[in-house]
Amino acid sequence: MIESINEWIGMHEIASRHGNVGNHMLGLIHWFMLILFVGWTTFLGVILVKFRRSKNPKANYKGITSHFSTHIEIGVVIVEVVLLLGFAFPLWAKWADAKERPEGDEVVNLRAVGEQYRWTFHYAGADNLVGMTSHERLSSANPVGLVTEDPNSADDFVSVNELLIPVGRPVVIQVTSKDVIHGLAIIPMFAQQDAIPGSEIPMWFIPEKEGEWNIVCAQLCGAGHAQMVAYVKAVSSDEFDEWYGSQNPLLPKS
């Protein structure tokens, strides 16, 4: 049902494995919000009608003498604590699982480097090991600052504003920035991470659906923020491997 509502209001489809879990949790939270809204609105309506001026022309200086309302308030607090714990523990368990980044030959390792106003995706190459980088090596010919002395850099390649990923395989992205704080937001993958200069922060997900979607910057990064749009394309594993193997290394062979 949540998917139908999202489609009706124009929200992105969910295309990653953990995205459905997050969407389900958001759906539960919004159902509870609806119940609270209807309950409190009904309560306020009853109060307005019951204690309207025409029915109560004289003020009551004694007030409520029973402790029923106190018991109700205590009950509400207990229910809210139970609900909070009921949401917190499952979310904590999911978060703990998500902390364990996948490893192995099937994992696609890359970096996402933000700058005003584009994204450069730095792939690890055939060895699946991202080469060492340094801001001192940055140049127009070396936009990610690869260190030539590092053997892991020899097969690394880059893609500007286009992120190609395989369906069914974990994708681990180290997110960073050259200049100001950006935000790598891949909405269909239910993944978002701030890009902070001087820091490389990992995020990962597993695509489950082929398609092409926009990548946006989730932080106001300057006058050209609205034009900082990239694209993510999820393809079959075979198509990805064919494309991956056809890319030329960023650094020329010495």
Protein backbone atom coordinates (compact mmCIF):
# COMPACT_ATOMS: atom_id res chain seq x y z
CA MET A 1 0.00 0.00 0.00
CA ILE A 2 2.84 2.39 0.84
CA GLU A 3 4.33 1.77 -2.62
CA SER A 4 0.99 2.74 -4.23
CA ILE A 5 0.80 5.93 -2.16
CA ASN A 6 4.40 6.81 -3.05
CA GLU A 7 3.65 6.31 -6.74
CA TRP A 8 0.47 8.40 -6.48
CA ILE A 9 2.28 11.38 -4.93
CA GLY A 10 5.23 11.09 -7.33
CA MET A 11 7.90 9.71 -4.99
CA HIS A 12 10.74 7.53 -6.26
CA GLU A 13 10.36 3.79 -6.36
CA ILE A 14 12.53 1.76 -4.01
CA ALA A 15 15.25 -0.17 -5.84
CA SER A 16 17.49 -1.51 -3.05
CA ARG A 17 17.20 -4.43 -0.64
CA HIS A 18 17.22 -2.44 2.60
CA GLY A 19 15.01 0.27 1.09
CA ASN A 20 11.91 -1.88 1.51
CA VAL A 21 12.69 -2.33 5.22
CA GLY A 22 13.03 1.42 5.67
CA ASN A 23 9.88 2.07 3.68
CA HIS A 24 7.95 -0.43 5.81
CA MET A 25 9.11 1.29 9.00
CA LEU A 26 8.13 4.71 7.62
CA GLY A 27 4.72 3.29 6.74
CA LEU A 28 4.17 2.04 10.30
CA ILE A 29 5.23 5.38 11.75
CA HIS A 30 2.82 7.28 9.50
CA TRP A 31 -0.07 4.96 10.40
CA PHE A 32 0.60 5.68 14.08
CA MET A 33 0.76 9.39 13.29
CA LEU A 34 -2.64 9.12 11.59
CA ILE A 35 -4.12 7.32 14.61
CA LEU A 36 -2.75 10.00 16.96
CA PHE A 37 -4.04 12.78 14.72
CA VAL A 38 -7.56 11.33 14.56
CA GLY A 39 -7.57 10.56 18.29
CA TRP A 40 -6.42 13.98 19.48
CA THR A 41 -8.59 15.83 16.95
CA THR A 42 -11.64 13.89 18.15
CA PHE A 43 -10.73 14.59 21.78
CA LEU A 44 -10.35 18.32 21.17
CA GLY A 45 -13.64 18.38 19.26
CA VAL A 46 -15.47 16.71 22.15
CA ILE A 47 -13.94 19.18 24.62
CA LEU A 48 -14.97 22.17 22.51
CA VAL A 49 -18.56 20.92 22.26
CA LYS A 50 -18.93 19.71 25.84
CA PHE A 51 -17.51 22.82 27.48
CA ARG A 52 -18.92 25.42 25.11
CA ARG A 53 -20.07 28.68 26.65
CA SER A 54 -23.78 28.18 25.94
CA LYS A 55 -23.79 24.92 27.91
CA ASN A 56 -21.57 26.21 30.72
CA PRO A 57 -22.55 29.85 31.34
CA LYS A 58 -20.96 29.87 34.81
CA ALA A 59 -17.35 29.07 35.58
CA ASN A 60 -16.63 25.96 37.65
CA TYR A 61 -14.05 26.85 40.26
CA LYS A 62 -13.82 23.32 41.70
CA GLY A 63 -12.58 21.61 38.54
CA ILE A 64 -12.26 17.86 38.18
CA THR A 65 -12.10 16.13 41.54
CA SER A 66 -11.43 12.56 40.38
CA HIS A 67 -7.99 11.18 39.49
CA PHE A 68 -9.22 9.54 36.28
CA SER A 69 -7.36 12.01 34.04
CA THR A 70 -4.14 11.38 35.96
CA HIS A 71 -4.47 7.65 35.35
CA ILE A 72 -5.11 8.34 31.66
CA GLU A 73 -1.96 10.47 31.42
CA ILE A 74 0.13 7.77 33.09
CA GLY A 75 -1.33 5.21 30.68
CA VAL A 76 -0.49 7.41 27.68
CA VAL A 77 3.11 7.77 28.89
CA ILE A 78 3.45 4.00 29.32
CA VAL A 79 2.05 3.33 25.84
CA GLU A 80 4.40 5.89 24.28
CA VAL A 81 7.42 4.37 26.04
CA VAL A 82 6.44 0.91 24.79
CA LEU A 83 6.02 2.24 21.24
CA LEU A 84 9.36 4.06 21.33
CA LEU A 85 11.16 0.95 22.56
CA GLY A 86 9.27 -1.16 20.03
CA PHE A 87 10.59 1.03 17.23
CA ALA A 88 14.02 1.67 18.71
CA PHE A 89 15.16 -1.92 19.26
CA PRO A 90 14.31 -3.23 15.75
CA LEU A 91 15.88 -0.14 14.19
CA TRP A 92 18.97 -0.56 16.34
CA ALA A 93 19.27 -4.18 15.24
CA LYS A 94 18.99 -3.19 11.58
CA TRP A 95 21.55 -0.42 12.11
CA ALA A 96 23.95 -2.88 13.75
CA ASP A 97 23.62 -5.21 10.75
CA ALA A 98 24.18 -2.32 8.34
CA LYS A 99 27.43 -1.41 10.10
CA GLU A 100 29.02 -4.63 8.86
CA ARG A 101 30.14 -3.70 5.38
CA PRO A 102 30.15 -6.55 2.86
CA GLU A 103 33.46 -7.87 1.56
CA GLY A 104 34.49 -10.23 -1.20
CA ASP A 105 34.94 -10.42 -4.95
CA GLU A 106 31.28 -9.63 -5.65
CA VAL A 107 31.48 -6.24 -3.92
CA VAL A 108 31.84 -3.15 -6.11
CA ASN A 109 34.24 -0.72 -4.41
CA LEU A 110 34.41 2.92 -5.43
CA ARG A 111 34.66 6.51 -4.20
CA ALA A 112 32.26 9.39 -4.83
CA VAL A 113 34.05 12.74 -4.93
CA GLY A 114 31.86 15.83 -4.80
CA GLU A 115 32.90 19.25 -6.02
CA GLN A 116 31.13 22.39 -7.23
CA TYR A 117 29.12 21.26 -9.19
CA ARG A 118 29.59 17.64 -10.20
CA TRP A 119 30.19 14.13 -8.91
CA THR A 120 33.23 12.09 -9.93
CA PHE A 121 32.89 8.36 -9.34
CA HIS A 122 36.26 6.70 -8.81
CA TYR A 123 36.11 2.95 -9.48
CA ALA A 124 38.66 0.48 -8.12
CA GLY A 125 39.42 -1.24 -11.42
CA ALA A 126 40.16 -4.90 -12.08
CA ASP A 127 41.89 -5.52 -8.73
CA ASN A 128 38.82 -4.18 -6.85
CA LEU A 129 41.19 -2.14 -4.65
CA VAL A 130 40.80 1.63 -4.67
CA GLY A 131 44.17 3.30 -5.10
CA MET A 132 45.68 5.76 -2.66
CA THR A 133 44.76 9.40 -3.19
CA SER A 134 46.15 12.75 -2.08
CA HIS A 135 44.78 16.27 -2.44
CA GLU A 136 48.28 17.36 -3.46
CA ARG A 137 47.98 15.26 -6.63
CA LEU A 138 44.71 16.83 -7.78
CA SER A 139 44.77 18.25 -11.31
CA SER A 140 42.61 18.43 -14.41
CA ALA A 141 44.23 15.20 -15.64
CA ASN A 142 43.96 13.57 -12.21
CA PRO A 143 40.60 14.75 -10.82
CA VAL A 144 40.61 12.34 -7.85
CA GLY A 145 44.25 12.82 -6.83
CA LEU A 146 45.51 9.28 -7.48
CA VAL A 147 49.01 8.55 -6.17
CA THR A 148 50.96 7.10 -9.08
CA GLU A 149 53.40 5.24 -6.83
CA ASP A 150 50.61 3.09 -5.40
CA PRO A 151 50.26 -0.12 -7.47
CA ASN A 152 46.53 -0.26 -6.67
CA SER A 153 46.07 2.98 -8.64
CA ALA A 154 47.23 1.54 -11.95
CA ASP A 155 43.83 0.21 -13.05
CA ASP A 156 41.53 2.76 -11.38
CA PHE A 157 39.18 4.72 -13.62
CA VAL A 158 36.60 7.47 -13.20
CA SER A 159 33.13 8.33 -14.45
CA VAL A 160 31.82 11.89 -14.22
CA ASN A 161 28.17 12.33 -13.19
CA GLU A 162 27.27 8.76 -14.12
CA LEU A 163 27.22 5.91 -11.61
CA LEU A 164 26.83 2.45 -13.13
CA ILE A 165 26.10 -0.37 -10.67
CA PRO A 166 25.12 -4.06 -10.92
CA VAL A 167 21.86 -5.53 -9.67
CA GLY A 168 22.16 -8.10 -6.89
CA ARG A 169 25.69 -7.19 -5.79
CA PRO A 170 26.76 -5.00 -2.85
CA VAL A 171 28.00 -1.52 -3.76
CA VAL A 172 30.32 0.17 -1.24
CA ILE A 173 30.94 3.89 -1.81
CA GLN A 174 33.47 6.01 0.08
CA VAL A 175 32.00 9.53 0.00
CA THR A 176 34.17 12.65 0.17
CA SER A 177 34.42 16.20 -1.18
CA LYS A 178 37.07 18.48 -2.68
CA ASP A 179 35.68 21.82 -1.56
CA VAL A 180 32.50 22.33 0.48
CA ILE A 181 30.04 19.95 2.13
CA HIS A 182 27.90 18.12 -0.42
CA GLY A 183 25.34 15.36 0.08
CA LEU A 184 25.27 12.24 -2.09
CA ALA A 185 21.58 11.31 -2.23
CA ILE A 186 20.64 8.19 -4.20
CA ILE A 187 16.96 8.21 -3.31
CA PRO A 188 15.81 4.99 -5.07
CA MET A 189 18.55 3.10 -3.21
CA PHE A 190 17.40 4.59 0.10
CA ALA A 191 20.97 5.82 0.56
CA GLN A 192 22.32 9.24 1.48
CA GLN A 193 25.62 10.43 2.91
CA ASP A 194 27.18 13.86 3.42
CA ALA A 195 30.43 14.45 1.53
CA ILE A 196 32.83 16.25 3.87
CA PRO A 197 36.23 17.60 2.79
CA GLY A 198 39.08 15.67 4.38
CA SER A 199 36.88 12.71 5.37
CA GLU A 200 35.90 9.53 3.55
CA ILE A 201 32.64 8.15 4.91
CA PRO A 202 31.35 4.78 3.66
CA MET A 203 27.83 3.88 2.64
CA TRP A 204 26.60 0.71 0.98
CA PHE A 205 23.50 -0.88 -0.52
CA ILE A 206 22.42 -3.75 -2.77
CA PRO A 207 20.45 -2.77 -5.90
CA GLU A 208 17.53 -5.05 -6.67
CA LYS A 209 15.95 -3.44 -9.70
CA GLU A 210 17.28 -2.29 -13.07
CA GLY A 211 16.65 1.31 -14.02
CA GLU A 212 18.04 4.82 -14.30
CA TRP A 213 17.46 7.62 -11.79
CA ASN A 214 18.79 11.01 -10.77
CA ILE A 215 21.40 11.57 -8.09
CA VAL A 216 21.04 14.91 -6.33
CA CYS A 217 23.14 16.91 -3.90
CA ALA A 218 21.35 17.01 -0.55
CA GLN A 219 23.29 19.99 0.82
CA LEU A 220 23.09 23.62 -0.30
CA CYS A 221 26.60 23.82 -1.75
CA GLY A 222 26.61 27.11 -3.65
CA ALA A 223 24.98 29.11 -6.42
CA GLY A 224 25.01 26.14 -8.81
CA HIS A 225 23.56 23.67 -6.32
CA ALA A 226 20.43 23.02 -8.40
CA GLN A 227 22.55 22.03 -11.41
CA MET A 228 24.56 19.44 -9.47
CA VAL A 229 22.72 16.45 -10.90
CA ALA A 230 24.22 13.06 -11.70
CA TYR A 231 22.71 9.75 -12.77
CA VAL A 232 22.70 6.23 -11.38
CA LYS A 233 22.04 3.32 -13.69
CA ALA A 234 21.48 -0.19 -12.34
CA VAL A 235 22.11 -2.93 -14.91
CA SER A 236 22.53 -6.69 -14.94
CA SER A 237 25.74 -8.09 -13.50
CA ASP A 238 26.90 -9.31 -16.93
CA GLU A 239 26.33 -5.90 -18.53
CA PHE A 240 28.16 -4.22 -15.68
CA ASP A 241 31.15 -6.57 -15.96
CA GLU A 242 31.36 -5.93 -19.71
CA TRP A 243 31.29 -2.16 -19.18
CA TYR A 244 33.71 -2.36 -16.25
CA GLY A 245 36.26 -4.32 -18.27
CA SER A 246 36.13 -1.88 -21.19
CA GLN A 247 37.11 1.21 -19.18
CA ASN A 248 40.53 2.82 -19.61
CA PRO A 249 42.65 3.53 -16.52
CA LEU A 250 42.79 7.15 -15.43
CA LEU A 251 46.58 7.22 -15.17
CA PRO A 252 48.65 6.39 -18.28
CA LYS A 253 50.91 3.39 -17.99
CA SER A 254 54.54 4.33 -17.49
